[in-house]
Amino acid sequence: MPLDLIKTFTYLTIHLTIGFSVAYVLTGSVALAGGIAIIEPCINAVAFFFHEKAWKRVTARRPMLG
């Protein structure tokens, strides 16, 4: 398995574990925490897509700052 794919899966595991843990501590519900842990990354992925599109428009208008 390519290293970048392994890195992606390990990051996903960490992300889901933290999301579930925080939601469980706040709600005390395994079902609710599980739902939050699954839904949040999906919403985050959609938000990231639009974030990237916005940044492409910004960088197309002017040279990169750096």
PDB file of N, CA and C in Angstrom:
ATOM      1  N   MET A   1       0.860  -1.177   0.000  1.00  0.00           N
ATOM      2  CA  MET A   1       0.000   0.000   0.000  1.00  0.00           C
ATOM      3  C   MET A   1       0.904   1.237   0.000  1.00  0.00           C
ATOM      4  N   PRO A   2       0.600   2.221  -0.849  1.00  0.00           N
ATOM      5  CA  PRO A   2       1.429   3.435  -0.897  1.00  0.00           C
ATOM      6  C   PRO A   2       1.410   4.190   0.434  1.00  0.00           C
ATOM      7  N   LEU A   3       2.528   4.812   0.743  1.00  0.00           N
ATOM      8  CA  LEU A   3       2.680   5.519   2.007  1.00  0.00           C
ATOM      9  C   LEU A   3       1.658   6.638   2.176  1.00  0.00           C
ATOM     10  N   ASP A   4       1.338   7.357   1.100  1.00  0.00           N
ATOM     11  CA  ASP A   4       0.365   8.447   1.228  1.00  0.00           C
ATOM     12  C   ASP A   4      -1.025   7.923   1.561  1.00  0.00           C
ATOM     13  N   LEU A   5      -1.363   6.736   1.091  1.00  0.00           N
ATOM     14  CA  LEU A   5      -2.656   6.139   1.420  1.00  0.00           C
ATOM     15  C   LEU A   5      -2.681   5.691   2.879  1.00  0.00           C
ATOM     16  N   ILE A   6      -1.592   5.123   3.353  1.00  0.00           N
ATOM     17  CA  ILE A   6      -1.486   4.737   4.761  1.00  0.00           C
ATOM     18  C   ILE A   6      -1.607   5.973   5.645  1.00  0.00           C
ATOM     19  N   LYS A   7      -0.928   7.046   5.256  1.00  0.00           N
ATOM     20  CA  LYS A   7      -0.988   8.296   6.019  1.00  0.00           C
ATOM     21  C   LYS A   7      -2.424   8.827   6.070  1.00  0.00           C
ATOM     22  N   THR A   8      -3.128   8.752   4.961  1.00  0.00           N
ATOM     23  CA  THR A   8      -4.516   9.206   4.905  1.00  0.00           C
ATOM     24  C   THR A   8      -5.394   8.402   5.862  1.00  0.00           C
ATOM     25  N   PHE A   9      -5.247   7.084   5.850  1.00  0.00           N
ATOM     26  CA  PHE A   9      -6.056   6.239   6.728  1.00  0.00           C
ATOM     27  C   PHE A   9      -5.718   6.451   8.203  1.00  0.00           C
ATOM     28  N   THR A  10      -4.438   6.653   8.514  1.00  0.00           N
ATOM     29  CA  THR A  10      -4.085   6.885   9.920  1.00  0.00           C
ATOM     30  C   THR A  10      -4.623   8.234  10.381  1.00  0.00           C
ATOM     31  N   TYR A  11      -4.573   9.245   9.509  1.00  0.00           N
ATOM     32  CA  TYR A  11      -5.130  10.547   9.867  1.00  0.00           C
ATOM     33  C   TYR A  11      -6.639  10.449  10.057  1.00  0.00           C
ATOM     34  N   LEU A  12      -7.298   9.717   9.175  1.00  0.00           N
ATOM     35  CA  LEU A  12      -8.750   9.531   9.307  1.00  0.00           C
ATOM     36  C   LEU A  12      -9.083   8.846  10.630  1.00  0.00           C
ATOM     37  N   THR A  13      -8.315   7.848  10.997  1.00  0.00           N
ATOM     38  CA  THR A  13      -8.532   7.149  12.258  1.00  0.00           C
ATOM     39  C   THR A  13      -8.396   8.098  13.441  1.00  0.00           C
ATOM     40  N   ILE A  14      -7.358   8.909  13.426  1.00  0.00           N
ATOM     41  CA  ILE A  14      -7.152   9.885  14.506  1.00  0.00           C
ATOM     42  C   ILE A  14      -8.310  10.871  14.548  1.00  0.00           C
ATOM     43  N   HIS A  15      -8.693  11.391  13.385  1.00  0.00           N
ATOM     44  CA  HIS A  15      -9.771  12.377  13.296  1.00  0.00           C
ATOM     45  C   HIS A  15     -11.082  11.807  13.840  1.00  0.00           C
ATOM     46  N   LEU A  16     -11.434  10.600  13.409  1.00  0.00           N
ATOM     47  CA  LEU A  16     -12.679   9.986  13.867  1.00  0.00           C
ATOM     48  C   LEU A  16     -12.642   9.672  15.364  1.00  0.00           C
ATOM     49  N   THR A  17     -11.503   9.226  15.853  1.00  0.00           N
ATOM     50  CA  THR A  17     -11.370   8.907  17.279  1.00  0.00           C
ATOM     51  C   THR A  17     -11.524  10.153  18.139  1.00  0.00           C
ATOM     52  N   ILE A  18     -10.878  11.225  17.739  1.00  0.00           N
ATOM     53  CA  ILE A  18     -10.997  12.479  18.492  1.00  0.00           C
ATOM     54  C   ILE A  18     -12.425  13.007  18.416  1.00  0.00           C
ATOM     55  N   GLY A  19     -13.010  13.001  17.224  1.00  0.00           N
ATOM     56  CA  GLY A  19     -14.387  13.476  17.064  1.00  0.00           C
ATOM     57  C   GLY A  19     -15.363  12.680  17.906  1.00  0.00           C
ATOM     58  N   PHE A  20     -15.230  11.364  17.879  1.00  0.00           N
ATOM     59  CA  PHE A  20     -16.102  10.516  18.688  1.00  0.00           C
ATOM     60  C   PHE A  20     -15.897  10.783  20.174  1.00  0.00           C
ATOM     61  N   SER A  21     -14.647  10.873  20.595  1.00  0.00           N
ATOM     62  CA  SER A  21     -14.337  11.066  22.022  1.00  0.00           C
ATOM     63  C   SER A  21     -14.903  12.378  22.547  1.00  0.00           C
ATOM     64  N   VAL A  22     -14.695  13.450  21.805  1.00  0.00           N
ATOM     65  CA  VAL A  22     -15.199  14.759  22.231  1.00  0.00           C
ATOM     66  C   VAL A  22     -16.726  14.743  22.274  1.00  0.00           C
ATOM     67  N   ALA A  23     -17.342  14.201  21.229  1.00  0.00           N
ATOM     68  CA  ALA A  23     -18.809  14.156  21.191  1.00  0.00           C
ATOM     69  C   ALA A  23     -19.358  13.281  22.314  1.00  0.00           C
ATOM     70  N   TYR A  24     -18.679  12.184  22.621  1.00  0.00           N
ATOM     71  CA  TYR A  24     -19.144  11.310  23.700  1.00  0.00           C
ATOM     72  C   TYR A  24     -19.032  11.997  25.063  1.00  0.00           C
ATOM     73  N   VAL A  25     -17.922  12.678  25.284  1.00  0.00           N
ATOM     74  CA  VAL A  25     -17.748  13.397  26.552  1.00  0.00           C
ATOM     75  C   VAL A  25     -18.830  14.471  26.709  1.00  0.00           C
ATOM     76  N   LEU A  26     -19.156  15.151  25.620  1.00  0.00           N
ATOM     77  CA  LEU A  26     -20.144  16.226  25.686  1.00  0.00           C
ATOM     78  C   LEU A  26     -21.580  15.713  25.784  1.00  0.00           C
ATOM     79  N   THR A  27     -21.875  14.562  25.144  1.00  0.00           N
ATOM     80  CA  THR A  27     -23.266  14.096  25.098  1.00  0.00           C
ATOM     81  C   THR A  27     -23.540  12.893  25.997  1.00  0.00           C
ATOM     82  N   GLY A  28     -22.536  12.076  26.247  1.00  0.00           N
ATOM     83  CA  GLY A  28     -22.736  10.853  27.011  1.00  0.00           C
ATOM     84  C   GLY A  28     -23.450   9.766  26.230  1.00  0.00           C
ATOM     85  N   SER A  29     -23.638   9.980  24.943  1.00  0.00           N
ATOM     86  CA  SER A  29     -24.366   9.025  24.106  1.00  0.00           C
ATOM     87  C   SER A  29     -23.437   8.439  23.042  1.00  0.00           C
ATOM     88  N   VAL A  30     -23.334   7.102  23.034  1.00  0.00           N
ATOM     89  CA  VAL A  30     -22.508   6.440  22.021  1.00  0.00           C
ATOM     90  C   VAL A  30     -23.107   6.653  20.627  1.00  0.00           C
ATOM     91  N   ALA A  31     -24.419   6.536  20.510  1.00  0.00           N
ATOM     92  CA  ALA A  31     -25.075   6.687  19.209  1.00  0.00           C
ATOM     93  C   ALA A  31     -24.902   8.102  18.663  1.00  0.00           C
ATOM     94  N   LEU A  32     -25.145   9.084  19.497  1.00  0.00           N
ATOM     95  CA  LEU A  32     -24.997  10.467  19.057  1.00  0.00           C
ATOM     96  C   LEU A  32     -23.542  10.785  18.729  1.00  0.00           C
ATOM     97  N   ALA A  33     -22.636  10.322  19.565  1.00  0.00           N
ATOM     98  CA  ALA A  33     -21.204  10.556  19.320  1.00  0.00           C
ATOM     99  C   ALA A  33     -20.769   9.898  18.015  1.00  0.00           C
ATOM    100  N   GLY A  34     -21.259   8.698  17.764  1.00  0.00           N
ATOM    101  CA  GLY A  34     -20.924   8.013  16.512  1.00  0.00           C
ATOM    102  C   GLY A  34     -21.448   8.762  15.304  1.00  0.00           C
ATOM    103  N   GLY A  35     -22.657   9.257  15.399  1.00  0.00           N
ATOM    104  CA  GLY A  35     -23.226  10.044  14.296  1.00  0.00           C
ATOM    105  C   GLY A  35     -22.437  11.306  14.032  1.00  0.00           C
ATOM    106  N   ILE A  36     -22.095  11.992  15.090  1.00  0.00           N
ATOM    107  CA  ILE A  36     -21.308  13.217  14.948  1.00  0.00           C
ATOM    108  C   ILE A  36     -19.939  12.907  14.352  1.00  0.00           C
ATOM    109  N   ALA A  37     -19.309  11.840  14.815  1.00  0.00           N
ATOM    110  CA  ALA A  37     -17.979  11.464  14.335  1.00  0.00           C
ATOM    111  C   ALA A  37     -17.980  11.109  12.854  1.00  0.00           C
ATOM    112  N   ILE A  38     -19.105  10.628  12.349  1.00  0.00           N
ATOM    113  CA  ILE A  38     -19.201  10.286  10.926  1.00  0.00           C
ATOM    114  C   ILE A  38     -19.624  11.494  10.092  1.00  0.00           C
ATOM    115  N   ILE A  39     -20.599  12.254  10.568  1.00  0.00           N
ATOM    116  CA  ILE A  39     -21.142  13.375   9.792  1.00  0.00           C
ATOM    117  C   ILE A  39     -20.151  14.529   9.695  1.00  0.00           C
ATOM    118  N   GLU A  40     -19.458  14.834  10.778  1.00  0.00           N
ATOM    119  CA  GLU A  40     -18.556  15.998  10.799  1.00  0.00           C
ATOM    120  C   GLU A  40     -17.482  15.932   9.714  1.00  0.00           C
ATOM    121  N   PRO A  41     -16.780  14.810   9.517  1.00  0.00           N
ATOM    122  CA  PRO A  41     -15.775  14.780   8.444  1.00  0.00           C
ATOM    123  C   PRO A  41     -16.387  14.949   7.056  1.00  0.00           C
ATOM    124  N   CYS A  42     -17.594  14.466   6.858  1.00  0.00           N
ATOM    125  CA  CYS A  42     -18.249  14.633   5.558  1.00  0.00           C
ATOM    126  C   CYS A  42     -18.540  16.106   5.287  1.00  0.00           C
ATOM    127  N   ILE A  43     -19.060  16.797   6.280  1.00  0.00           N
ATOM    128  CA  ILE A  43     -19.329  18.226   6.134  1.00  0.00           C
ATOM    129  C   ILE A  43     -18.017  18.983   5.942  1.00  0.00           C
ATOM    130  N   ASN A  44     -16.999  18.582   6.682  1.00  0.00           N
ATOM    131  CA  ASN A  44     -15.684  19.204   6.559  1.00  0.00           C
ATOM    132  C   ASN A  44     -15.120  19.038   5.145  1.00  0.00           C
ATOM    133  N   ALA A  45     -15.316  17.881   4.542  1.00  0.00           N
ATOM    134  CA  ALA A  45     -14.819  17.635   3.189  1.00  0.00           C
ATOM    135  C   ALA A  45     -15.495  18.562   2.179  1.00  0.00           C
ATOM    136  N   VAL A  46     -16.796  18.755   2.329  1.00  0.00           N
ATOM    137  CA  VAL A  46     -17.520  19.666   1.436  1.00  0.00           C
ATOM    138  C   VAL A  46     -17.032  21.106   1.648  1.00  0.00           C
ATOM    139  N   ALA A  47     -16.872  21.503   2.898  1.00  0.00           N
ATOM    140  CA  ALA A  47     -16.386  22.849   3.198  1.00  0.00           C
ATOM    141  C   ALA A  47     -14.987  23.045   2.623  1.00  0.00           C
ATOM    142  N   PHE A  48     -14.135  22.028   2.733  1.00  0.00           N
ATOM    143  CA  PHE A  48     -12.775  22.127   2.204  1.00  0.00           C
ATOM    144  C   PHE A  48     -12.793  22.310   0.691  1.00  0.00           C
ATOM    145  N   PHE A  49     -13.688  21.614   0.003  1.00  0.00           N
ATOM    146  CA  PHE A  49     -13.807  21.749  -1.447  1.00  0.00           C
ATOM    147  C   PHE A  49     -14.082  23.200  -1.835  1.00  0.00           C
ATOM    148  N   PHE A  50     -15.050  23.828  -1.168  1.00  0.00           N
ATOM    149  CA  PHE A  50     -15.384  25.219  -1.488  1.00  0.00           C
ATOM    150  C   PHE A  50     -14.288  26.177  -1.029  1.00  0.00           C
ATOM    151  N   HIS A  51     -13.624  25.861   0.044  1.00  0.00           N
ATOM    152  CA  HIS A  51     -12.487  26.653   0.524  1.00  0.00           C
ATOM    153  C   HIS A  51     -11.383  26.672  -0.537  1.00  0.00           C
ATOM    154  N   GLU A  52     -11.088  25.511  -1.107  1.00  0.00           N
ATOM    155  CA  GLU A  52     -10.062  25.423  -2.144  1.00  0.00           C
ATOM    156  C   GLU A  52     -10.467  26.200  -3.394  1.00  0.00           C
ATOM    157  N   LYS A  53     -11.736  26.105  -3.788  1.00  0.00           N
ATOM    158  CA  LYS A  53     -12.209  26.860  -4.953  1.00  0.00           C
ATOM    159  C   LYS A  53     -12.054  28.365  -4.726  1.00  0.00           C
ATOM    160  N   ALA A  54     -12.388  28.826  -3.526  1.00  0.00           N
ATOM    161  CA  ALA A  54     -12.254  30.250  -3.209  1.00  0.00           C
ATOM    162  C   ALA A  54     -10.799  30.684  -3.267  1.00  0.00           C
ATOM    163  N   TRP A  55      -9.902  29.882  -2.717  1.00  0.00           N
ATOM    164  CA  TRP A  55      -8.480  30.238  -2.737  1.00  0.00           C
ATOM    165  C   TRP A  55      -7.914  30.230  -4.146  1.00  0.00           C
ATOM    166  N   LYS A  56      -8.394  29.359  -5.012  1.00  0.00           N
ATOM    167  CA  LYS A  56      -7.936  29.359  -6.404  1.00  0.00           C
ATOM    168  C   LYS A  56      -8.319  30.659  -7.084  1.00  0.00           C
ATOM    169  N   ARG A  57      -9.521  31.176  -6.773  1.00  0.00           N
ATOM    170  CA  ARG A  57      -9.927  32.461  -7.340  1.00  0.00           C
ATOM    171  C   ARG A  57      -9.055  33.594  -6.820  1.00  0.00           C
ATOM    172  N   VAL A  58      -8.745  33.563  -5.532  1.00  0.00           N
ATOM    173  CA  VAL A  58      -7.900  34.609  -4.926  1.00  0.00           C
ATOM    174  C   VAL A  58      -6.516  34.589  -5.547  1.00  0.00           C
ATOM    175  N   THR A  59      -5.915  33.403  -5.641  1.00  0.00           N
ATOM    176  CA  THR A  59      -4.540  33.326  -6.166  1.00  0.00           C
ATOM    177  C   THR A  59      -4.487  33.600  -7.655  1.00  0.00           C
ATOM    178  N   ALA A  60      -5.583  33.391  -8.379  1.00  0.00           N
ATOM    179  CA  ALA A  60      -5.598  33.690  -9.809  1.00  0.00           C
ATOM    180  C   ALA A  60      -5.583  35.194 -10.061  1.00  0.00           C
ATOM    181  N   ARG A  61      -6.077  35.959  -9.100  1.00  0.00           N
ATOM    182  CA  ARG A  61      -6.146  37.415  -9.239  1.00  0.00           C
ATOM    183  C   ARG A  61      -4.845  38.116  -8.915  1.00  0.00           C
ATOM    184  N   ARG A  62      -4.029  37.511  -8.073  1.00  0.00           N
ATOM    185  CA  ARG A  62      -2.769  38.155  -7.685  1.00  0.00           C
ATOM    186  C   ARG A  62      -1.713  37.105  -7.384  1.00  0.00           C
ATOM    187  N   PRO A  63      -0.453  37.514  -7.454  1.00  0.00           N
ATOM    188  CA  PRO A  63       0.609  36.552  -7.159  1.00  0.00           C
ATOM    189  C   PRO A  63       0.571  36.091  -5.708  1.00  0.00           C
ATOM    190  N   MET A  64       1.084  34.889  -5.469  1.00  0.00           N
ATOM    191  CA  MET A  64       1.104  34.333  -4.120  1.00  0.00           C
ATOM    192  C   MET A  64       1.931  35.221  -3.184  1.00  0.00           C
ATOM    193  N   LEU A  65       1.409  35.391  -2.001  1.00  0.00           N
ATOM    194  CA  LEU A  65       2.159  36.113  -0.968  1.00  0.00           C
ATOM    195  C   LEU A  65       3.096  35.114  -0.315  1.00  0.00           C
ATOM    196  N   GLY A  66       4.197  35.573   0.100  1.00  0.00           N
ATOM    197  CA  GLY A  66       5.017  34.572   0.738  1.00  0.00           C
ATOM    198  C   GLY A  66       6.326  35.077   1.120  1.00  0.00           C
TER     199      GLY A  66
END
